[in-house]
Protein backbone atom coordinates (compact mmCIF):
# COMPACT_ATOMS: atom_id res chain seq x y z
CA UNK A 1 -47.62 8.31 -92.21
CA UNK A 2 -46.66 11.23 -90.37
CA UNK A 3 -43.87 13.34 -91.91
CA UNK A 4 -41.76 12.99 -88.93
CA UNK A 5 -42.10 8.81 -89.35
CA UNK A 6 -41.14 8.85 -92.88
CA UNK A 7 -38.11 11.15 -92.16
CA UNK A 8 -37.01 8.84 -89.61
CA UNK A 9 -37.37 5.63 -91.56
CA UNK A 10 -35.59 7.49 -94.66
CA UNK A 11 -32.38 8.53 -92.71
CA UNK A 12 -32.36 5.25 -90.25
CA UNK A 13 -31.80 3.27 -93.35
CA UNK A 14 -29.03 5.46 -94.59
CA UNK A 15 -27.52 5.27 -91.22
CA UNK A 16 -27.67 1.28 -91.43
CA UNK A 17 -25.94 1.25 -94.78
CA UNK A 18 -23.02 3.77 -93.38
CA UNK A 19 -22.44 1.68 -90.56
CA UNK A 20 -21.78 -1.10 -92.86
CA UNK A 21 -18.79 0.56 -94.15
CA UNK A 22 -15.64 -0.60 -93.02
CA UNK A 23 -13.41 2.60 -93.37
CA UNK A 24 -13.75 4.72 -90.04
CA UNK A 25 -12.99 7.85 -91.86
CA UNK A 26 -15.45 7.31 -94.65
CA UNK A 27 -18.04 6.47 -91.88
CA UNK A 28 -17.50 9.84 -90.14
CA UNK A 29 -17.49 11.72 -93.16
CA UNK A 30 -21.03 10.05 -94.46
CA UNK A 31 -22.76 10.69 -90.93
CA UNK A 32 -21.35 14.33 -90.72
CA UNK A 33 -22.67 14.92 -94.26
CA UNK A 34 -25.86 12.97 -93.37
CA UNK A 35 -26.47 15.13 -89.99
CA UNK A 36 -25.94 18.69 -92.51
CA UNK A 37 -28.75 17.10 -94.69
CA UNK A 38 -31.13 16.23 -91.92
CA UNK A 39 -30.73 19.95 -90.66
CA UNK A 40 -31.14 21.52 -94.12
CA UNK A 41 -34.21 19.50 -94.40
CA UNK A 42 -35.45 20.59 -91.17
CA UNK A 43 -34.81 24.25 -91.78
CA UNK A 44 -36.98 24.15 -95.26
CA UNK A 45 -39.96 22.84 -92.86
């Protein structure tokens, strides 16, 4: 599997879990943290 496909699958799973959380503030916080993680991972490569 190509790197970008693995990354997409990994992060889409996390987004699905985040979207199931009831508290909107928590969802926003986790999505921002996830975006930062994605940016950091892209910077490494």
